PDB file of all heavy atoms in Angstrom:
ATOM      1  N   GLU A   1      -1.291  -7.357  -4.090  1.00  0.00           N
ATOM      2  CA  GLU A   1       0.124  -7.567  -3.804  1.00  0.00           C
ATOM      3  C   GLU A   1       0.899  -8.046  -5.031  1.00  0.00           C
ATOM      4  O   GLU A   1       2.012  -7.583  -5.244  1.00  0.00           O
ATOM      5  CB  GLU A   1       0.256  -8.560  -2.633  1.00  0.00           C
ATOM      6  CG  GLU A   1      -0.334  -8.061  -1.346  1.00  0.00           C
ATOM      7  CD  GLU A   1      -0.005  -8.961  -0.129  1.00  0.00           C
ATOM      8  OE1 GLU A   1       1.179  -9.082   0.131  1.00  0.00           O
ATOM      9  OE2 GLU A   1      -0.956  -9.365   0.521  1.00  0.00           O
ATOM     10  N   GLU A   2       0.289  -8.870  -5.871  1.00  0.00           N
ATOM     11  CA  GLU A   2       0.958  -9.302  -7.081  1.00  0.00           C
ATOM     12  C   GLU A   2       1.071  -8.096  -8.069  1.00  0.00           C
ATOM     13  O   GLU A   2       2.115  -7.865  -8.770  1.00  0.00           O
ATOM     14  CB  GLU A   2       0.235 -10.417  -7.725  1.00  0.00           C
ATOM     15  CG  GLU A   2       0.948 -11.007  -9.000  1.00  0.00           C
ATOM     16  CD  GLU A   2       0.226 -12.139  -9.626  1.00  0.00           C
ATOM     17  OE1 GLU A   2      -0.930 -12.436  -9.190  1.00  0.00           O
ATOM     18  OE2 GLU A   2       0.747 -12.772 -10.563  1.00  0.00           O
ATOM     19  N   LEU A   3      -0.077  -7.333  -8.109  1.00  0.00           N
ATOM     20  CA  LEU A   3      -0.068  -6.205  -9.028  1.00  0.00           C
ATOM     21  C   LEU A   3       1.025  -5.132  -8.726  1.00  0.00           C
ATOM     22  O   LEU A   3       1.578  -4.599  -9.678  1.00  0.00           O
ATOM     23  CB  LEU A   3      -1.428  -5.602  -8.971  1.00  0.00           C
ATOM     24  CG  LEU A   3      -1.917  -4.627 -10.070  1.00  0.00           C
ATOM     25  CD1 LEU A   3      -1.848  -5.222 -11.394  1.00  0.00           C
ATOM     26  CD2 LEU A   3      -3.339  -4.189  -9.766  1.00  0.00           C
ATOM     27  N   LEU A   4       1.299  -4.987  -7.475  1.00  0.00           N
ATOM     28  CA  LEU A   4       2.240  -3.943  -7.066  1.00  0.00           C
ATOM     29  C   LEU A   4       3.643  -4.189  -7.653  1.00  0.00           C
ATOM     30  O   LEU A   4       4.476  -3.315  -7.788  1.00  0.00           O
ATOM     31  CB  LEU A   4       2.345  -3.823  -5.590  1.00  0.00           C
ATOM     32  CG  LEU A   4       1.198  -3.063  -4.895  1.00  0.00           C
ATOM     33  CD1 LEU A   4       1.264  -3.326  -3.370  1.00  0.00           C
ATOM     34  CD2 LEU A   4       1.314  -1.566  -5.244  1.00  0.00           C
ATOM     35  N   GLY A   5       3.945  -5.459  -8.005  1.00  0.00           N
ATOM     36  CA  GLY A   5       5.239  -5.748  -8.594  1.00  0.00           C
ATOM     37  C   GLY A   5       5.354  -5.204 -10.037  1.00  0.00           C
ATOM     38  O   GLY A   5       6.498  -5.197 -10.592  1.00  0.00           O
ATOM     39  N   TYR A   6       4.318  -4.650 -10.600  1.00  0.00           N
ATOM     40  CA  TYR A   6       4.377  -4.099 -11.933  1.00  0.00           C
ATOM     41  C   TYR A   6       3.914  -2.630 -11.971  1.00  0.00           C
ATOM     42  O   TYR A   6       3.617  -2.083 -13.014  1.00  0.00           O
ATOM     43  CB  TYR A   6       3.499  -4.952 -12.872  1.00  0.00           C
ATOM     44  CG  TYR A   6       3.867  -6.353 -12.921  1.00  0.00           C
ATOM     45  CD1 TYR A   6       3.266  -7.250 -12.104  1.00  0.00           C
ATOM     46  CD2 TYR A   6       4.902  -6.798 -13.765  1.00  0.00           C
ATOM     47  CE1 TYR A   6       3.644  -8.586 -12.098  1.00  0.00           C
ATOM     48  CE2 TYR A   6       5.282  -8.136 -13.772  1.00  0.00           C
ATOM     49  CZ  TYR A   6       4.669  -9.052 -12.911  1.00  0.00           C
ATOM     50  OH  TYR A   6       5.017 -10.357 -12.927  1.00  0.00           O
ATOM     51  N   ILE A   7       3.917  -1.991 -10.812  1.00  0.00           N
ATOM     52  CA  ILE A   7       3.388  -0.609 -10.697  1.00  0.00           C
ATOM     53  C   ILE A   7       4.535   0.394 -10.440  1.00  0.00           C
ATOM     54  O   ILE A   7       5.338   0.221  -9.614  1.00  0.00           O
ATOM     55  CB  ILE A   7       2.331  -0.518  -9.598  1.00  0.00           C
ATOM     56  CG1 ILE A   7       1.172  -1.430  -9.854  1.00  0.00           C
ATOM     57  CG2 ILE A   7       1.919   0.933  -9.328  1.00  0.00           C
ATOM     58  CD1 ILE A   7       0.416  -1.070 -11.171  1.00  0.00           C
ATOM     59  N   ASP A   8       4.507   1.493 -11.223  1.00  0.00           N
ATOM     60  CA  ASP A   8       5.512   2.554 -11.012  1.00  0.00           C
ATOM     61  C   ASP A   8       5.074   3.560  -9.983  1.00  0.00           C
ATOM     62  O   ASP A   8       5.853   4.026  -9.137  1.00  0.00           O
ATOM     63  CB  ASP A   8       5.770   3.269 -12.372  1.00  0.00           C
ATOM     64  CG  ASP A   8       6.282   2.374 -13.436  1.00  0.00           C
ATOM     65  OD1 ASP A   8       7.296   1.626 -13.099  1.00  0.00           O
ATOM     66  OD2 ASP A   8       5.820   2.354 -14.534  1.00  0.00           O
ATOM     67  N   VAL A   9       3.778   3.921 -10.016  1.00  0.00           N
ATOM     68  CA  VAL A   9       3.206   4.917  -9.137  1.00  0.00           C
ATOM     69  C   VAL A   9       2.016   4.320  -8.405  1.00  0.00           C
ATOM     70  O   VAL A   9       0.975   4.111  -9.011  1.00  0.00           O
ATOM     71  CB  VAL A   9       2.746   6.192  -9.940  1.00  0.00           C
ATOM     72  CG1 VAL A   9       2.193   7.298  -8.948  1.00  0.00           C
ATOM     73  CG2 VAL A   9       3.948   6.738 -10.720  1.00  0.00           C
ATOM     74  N   ALA A  10       2.178   4.109  -7.125  1.00  0.00           N
ATOM     75  CA  ALA A  10       1.104   3.514  -6.312  1.00  0.00           C
ATOM     76  C   ALA A  10       0.654   4.546  -5.267  1.00  0.00           C
ATOM     77  O   ALA A  10       1.436   4.975  -4.372  1.00  0.00           O
ATOM     78  CB  ALA A  10       1.603   2.247  -5.572  1.00  0.00           C
ATOM     79  N   VAL A  11      -0.586   5.000  -5.431  1.00  0.00           N
ATOM     80  CA  VAL A  11      -1.182   5.959  -4.479  1.00  0.00           C
ATOM     81  C   VAL A  11      -2.318   5.228  -3.780  1.00  0.00           C
ATOM     82  O   VAL A  11      -3.357   4.900  -4.449  1.00  0.00           O
ATOM     83  CB  VAL A  11      -1.660   7.223  -5.194  1.00  0.00           C
ATOM     84  CG1 VAL A  11      -2.280   8.175  -4.200  1.00  0.00           C
ATOM     85  CG2 VAL A  11      -0.508   7.846  -5.944  1.00  0.00           C
ATOM     86  N   VAL A  12      -2.151   4.953  -2.502  1.00  0.00           N
ATOM     87  CA  VAL A  12      -3.095   4.151  -1.804  1.00  0.00           C
ATOM     88  C   VAL A  12      -3.758   4.919  -0.645  1.00  0.00           C
ATOM     89  O   VAL A  12      -3.322   5.900  -0.231  1.00  0.00           O
ATOM     90  CB  VAL A  12      -2.379   2.897  -1.246  1.00  0.00           C
ATOM     91  CG1 VAL A  12      -1.583   2.144  -2.287  1.00  0.00           C
ATOM     92  CG2 VAL A  12      -1.531   3.236  -0.029  1.00  0.00           C
ATOM     93  N   ALA A  13      -4.882   4.362  -0.208  1.00  0.00           N
ATOM     94  CA  ALA A  13      -5.636   4.988   0.879  1.00  0.00           C
ATOM     95  C   ALA A  13      -5.279   4.430   2.233  1.00  0.00           C
ATOM     96  O   ALA A  13      -4.702   3.327   2.319  1.00  0.00           O
ATOM     97  CB  ALA A  13      -7.175   4.787   0.631  1.00  0.00           C
ATOM     98  N   GLU A  14      -5.605   5.146   3.294  1.00  0.00           N
ATOM     99  CA  GLU A  14      -5.404   4.682   4.646  1.00  0.00           C
ATOM    100  C   GLU A  14      -6.083   3.322   4.882  1.00  0.00           C
ATOM    101  O   GLU A  14      -5.639   2.504   5.673  1.00  0.00           O
ATOM    102  CB  GLU A  14      -5.902   5.668   5.678  1.00  0.00           C
ATOM    103  CG  GLU A  14      -4.895   6.717   6.077  1.00  0.00           C
ATOM    104  CD  GLU A  14      -5.338   7.550   7.259  1.00  0.00           C
ATOM    105  OE1 GLU A  14      -6.305   8.382   7.084  1.00  0.00           O
ATOM    106  OE2 GLU A  14      -4.758   7.360   8.318  1.00  0.00           O
ATOM    107  N   ARG A  15      -7.182   3.108   4.202  1.00  0.00           N
ATOM    108  CA  ARG A  15      -7.958   1.892   4.347  1.00  0.00           C
ATOM    109  C   ARG A  15      -7.051   0.675   4.015  1.00  0.00           C
ATOM    110  O   ARG A  15      -7.091  -0.322   4.679  1.00  0.00           O
ATOM    111  CB  ARG A  15      -9.201   1.913   3.485  1.00  0.00           C
ATOM    112  CG  ARG A  15     -10.018   0.609   3.471  1.00  0.00           C
ATOM    113  CD  ARG A  15     -11.390   0.847   2.790  1.00  0.00           C
ATOM    114  NE  ARG A  15     -12.059  -0.361   2.643  1.00  0.00           N
ATOM    115  CZ  ARG A  15     -12.295  -0.998   1.469  1.00  0.00           C
ATOM    116  NH1 ARG A  15     -11.824  -0.439   0.375  1.00  0.00           N
ATOM    117  NH2 ARG A  15     -12.961  -2.110   1.388  1.00  0.00           N
ATOM    118  N   LEU A  16      -6.264   0.816   2.985  1.00  0.00           N
ATOM    119  CA  LEU A  16      -5.351  -0.330   2.573  1.00  0.00           C
ATOM    120  C   LEU A  16      -4.324  -0.506   3.662  1.00  0.00           C
ATOM    121  O   LEU A  16      -3.995  -1.674   4.020  1.00  0.00           O
ATOM    122  CB  LEU A  16      -4.702  -0.014   1.256  1.00  0.00           C
ATOM    123  CG  LEU A  16      -3.730  -1.147   0.698  1.00  0.00           C
ATOM    124  CD1 LEU A  16      -4.528  -2.431   0.462  1.00  0.00           C
ATOM    125  CD2 LEU A  16      -2.967  -0.710  -0.496  1.00  0.00           C
ATOM    126  N   CYS A  17      -3.821   0.544   4.267  1.00  0.00           N
ATOM    127  CA  CYS A  17      -2.883   0.397   5.393  1.00  0.00           C
ATOM    128  C   CYS A  17      -3.532  -0.333   6.510  1.00  0.00           C
ATOM    129  O   CYS A  17      -2.903  -1.336   7.075  1.00  0.00           O
ATOM    130  CB  CYS A  17      -2.464   1.755   5.912  1.00  0.00           C
ATOM    131  SG  CYS A  17      -1.614   2.856   4.700  1.00  0.00           S
ATOM    132  N   GLU A  18      -4.706  -0.043   6.829  1.00  0.00           N
ATOM    133  CA  GLU A  18      -5.429  -0.734   7.947  1.00  0.00           C
ATOM    134  C   GLU A  18      -5.641  -2.238   7.592  1.00  0.00           C
ATOM    135  O   GLU A  18      -5.449  -3.076   8.433  1.00  0.00           O
ATOM    136  CB  GLU A  18      -6.775  -0.095   8.142  1.00  0.00           C
ATOM    137  CG  GLU A  18      -6.691   1.328   8.739  1.00  0.00           C
ATOM    138  CD  GLU A  18      -7.947   2.145   8.658  1.00  0.00           C
ATOM    139  OE1 GLU A  18      -8.959   1.563   8.084  1.00  0.00           O
ATOM    140  OE2 GLU A  18      -7.992   3.328   9.039  1.00  0.00           O
ATOM    141  N   GLN A  19      -6.012  -2.506   6.358  1.00  0.00           N
ATOM    142  CA  GLN A  19      -6.324  -3.833   5.932  1.00  0.00           C
ATOM    143  C   GLN A  19      -5.012  -4.698   5.958  1.00  0.00           C
ATOM    144  O   GLN A  19      -5.107  -5.889   6.247  1.00  0.00           O
ATOM    145  CB  GLN A  19      -6.923  -3.941   4.547  1.00  0.00           C
ATOM    146  CG  GLN A  19      -8.306  -3.420   4.501  1.00  0.00           C
ATOM    147  CD  GLN A  19      -8.883  -3.241   3.067  1.00  0.00           C
ATOM    148  OE1 GLN A  19      -8.154  -2.926   2.203  1.00  0.00           O
ATOM    149  NE2 GLN A  19     -10.129  -3.511   2.905  1.00  0.00           N
ATOM    150  N   MET A  20      -3.869  -4.075   5.675  1.00  0.00           N
ATOM    151  CA  MET A  20      -2.632  -4.791   5.689  1.00  0.00           C
ATOM    152  C   MET A  20      -1.829  -4.648   6.989  1.00  0.00           C
ATOM    153  O   MET A  20      -0.713  -5.195   7.088  1.00  0.00           O
ATOM    154  CB  MET A  20      -1.729  -4.303   4.492  1.00  0.00           C
ATOM    155  CG  MET A  20      -2.281  -4.570   3.134  1.00  0.00           C
ATOM    156  SD  MET A  20      -1.301  -4.058   1.718  1.00  0.00           S
ATOM    157  CE  MET A  20       0.146  -5.119   1.966  1.00  0.00           C
ATOM    158  N   GLU A  21      -2.500  -4.017   7.980  1.00  0.00           N
ATOM    159  CA  GLU A  21      -1.938  -3.812   9.320  1.00  0.00           C
ATOM    160  C   GLU A  21      -0.586  -3.166   9.255  1.00  0.00           C
ATOM    161  O   GLU A  21       0.342  -3.533   9.919  1.00  0.00           O
ATOM    162  CB  GLU A  21      -1.876  -5.150   9.992  1.00  0.00           C
ATOM    163  CG  GLU A  21      -3.230  -5.848  10.244  1.00  0.00           C
ATOM    164  CD  GLU A  21      -3.185  -7.097  11.027  1.00  0.00           C
ATOM    165  OE1 GLU A  21      -2.076  -7.654  11.165  1.00  0.00           O
ATOM    166  OE2 GLU A  21      -4.259  -7.591  11.499  1.00  0.00           O
ATOM    167  N   LEU A  22      -0.556  -2.033   8.492  1.00  0.00           N
ATOM    168  CA  LEU A  22       0.655  -1.175   8.372  1.00  0.00           C
ATOM    169  C   LEU A  22       0.290   0.221   8.692  1.00  0.00           C
ATOM    170  O   LEU A  22      -0.793   0.663   8.417  1.00  0.00           O
ATOM    171  CB  LEU A  22       1.219  -1.257   6.918  1.00  0.00           C
ATOM    172  CG  LEU A  22       1.673  -2.670   6.403  1.00  0.00           C
ATOM    173  CD1 LEU A  22       2.037  -2.521   4.906  1.00  0.00           C
ATOM    174  CD2 LEU A  22       2.915  -3.091   7.177  1.00  0.00           C
ATOM    175  N   THR A  23       1.221   0.921   9.271  1.00  0.00           N
ATOM    176  CA  THR A  23       1.075   2.372   9.458  1.00  0.00           C
ATOM    177  C   THR A  23       1.267   2.983   8.068  1.00  0.00           C
ATOM    178  O   THR A  23       1.897   2.371   7.205  1.00  0.00           O
ATOM    179  CB  THR A  23       2.079   2.945  10.451  1.00  0.00           C
ATOM    180  OG1 THR A  23       3.396   2.869   9.847  1.00  0.00           O
ATOM    181  CG2 THR A  23       1.967   2.217  11.801  1.00  0.00           C
ATOM    182  N   PRO A  24       0.832   4.211   7.827  1.00  0.00           N
ATOM    183  CA  PRO A  24       1.107   4.945   6.590  1.00  0.00           C
ATOM    184  C   PRO A  24       2.610   4.951   6.286  1.00  0.00           C
ATOM    185  O   PRO A  24       3.057   4.727   5.170  1.00  0.00           O
ATOM    186  CB  PRO A  24       0.519   6.321   6.778  1.00  0.00           C
ATOM    187  CG  PRO A  24      -0.637   6.053   7.678  1.00  0.00           C
ATOM    188  CD  PRO A  24      -0.108   5.001   8.703  1.00  0.00           C
ATOM    189  N   ALA A  25       3.466   5.218   7.259  1.00  0.00           N
ATOM    190  CA  ALA A  25       4.889   5.233   6.976  1.00  0.00           C
ATOM    191  C   ALA A  25       5.390   3.852   6.629  1.00  0.00           C
ATOM    192  O   ALA A  25       6.293   3.682   5.762  1.00  0.00           O
ATOM    193  CB  ALA A  25       5.637   5.758   8.295  1.00  0.00           C
ATOM    194  N   GLU A  26       4.940   2.830   7.316  1.00  0.00           N
ATOM    195  CA  GLU A  26       5.334   1.465   6.934  1.00  0.00           C
ATOM    196  C   GLU A  26       4.845   1.117   5.575  1.00  0.00           C
ATOM    197  O   GLU A  26       5.508   0.393   4.809  1.00  0.00           O
ATOM    198  CB  GLU A  26       4.779   0.473   7.946  1.00  0.00           C
ATOM    199  CG  GLU A  26       5.426   0.581   9.341  1.00  0.00           C
ATOM    200  CD  GLU A  26       4.701  -0.273  10.418  1.00  0.00           C
ATOM    201  OE1 GLU A  26       3.512  -0.595  10.207  1.00  0.00           O
ATOM    202  OE2 GLU A  26       5.358  -0.524  11.457  1.00  0.00           O
ATOM    203  N   MET A  27       3.652   1.622   5.169  1.00  0.00           N
ATOM    204  CA  MET A  27       3.186   1.336   3.816  1.00  0.00           C
ATOM    205  C   MET A  27       4.059   1.961   2.793  1.00  0.00           C
ATOM    206  O   MET A  27       4.388   1.285   1.746  1.00  0.00           O
ATOM    207  CB  MET A  27       1.763   1.910   3.691  1.00  0.00           C
ATOM    208  CG  MET A  27       1.182   1.758   2.263  1.00  0.00           C
ATOM    209  SD  MET A  27       1.026   0.086   1.631  1.00  0.00           S
ATOM    210  CE  MET A  27      -0.420  -0.479   2.539  1.00  0.00           C
ATOM    211  N   LEU A  28       4.598   3.182   3.028  1.00  0.00           N
ATOM    212  CA  LEU A  28       5.505   3.742   2.074  1.00  0.00           C
ATOM    213  C   LEU A  28       6.818   2.873   1.912  1.00  0.00           C
ATOM    214  O   LEU A  28       7.227   2.634   0.759  1.00  0.00           O
ATOM    215  CB  LEU A  28       5.978   5.152   2.518  1.00  0.00           C
ATOM    216  CG  LEU A  28       4.879   6.219   2.601  1.00  0.00           C
ATOM    217  CD1 LEU A  28       5.515   7.608   2.922  1.00  0.00           C
ATOM    218  CD2 LEU A  28       4.142   6.301   1.222  1.00  0.00           C
TER     219      LEU A  28
END
């Protein structure tokens, strides 16, 4: 979560969505 503050292009897996309890659309 801290790292994302310095990222231009974030390509994540569905697994991260599940771990953060977000749908893929919510993750976007």
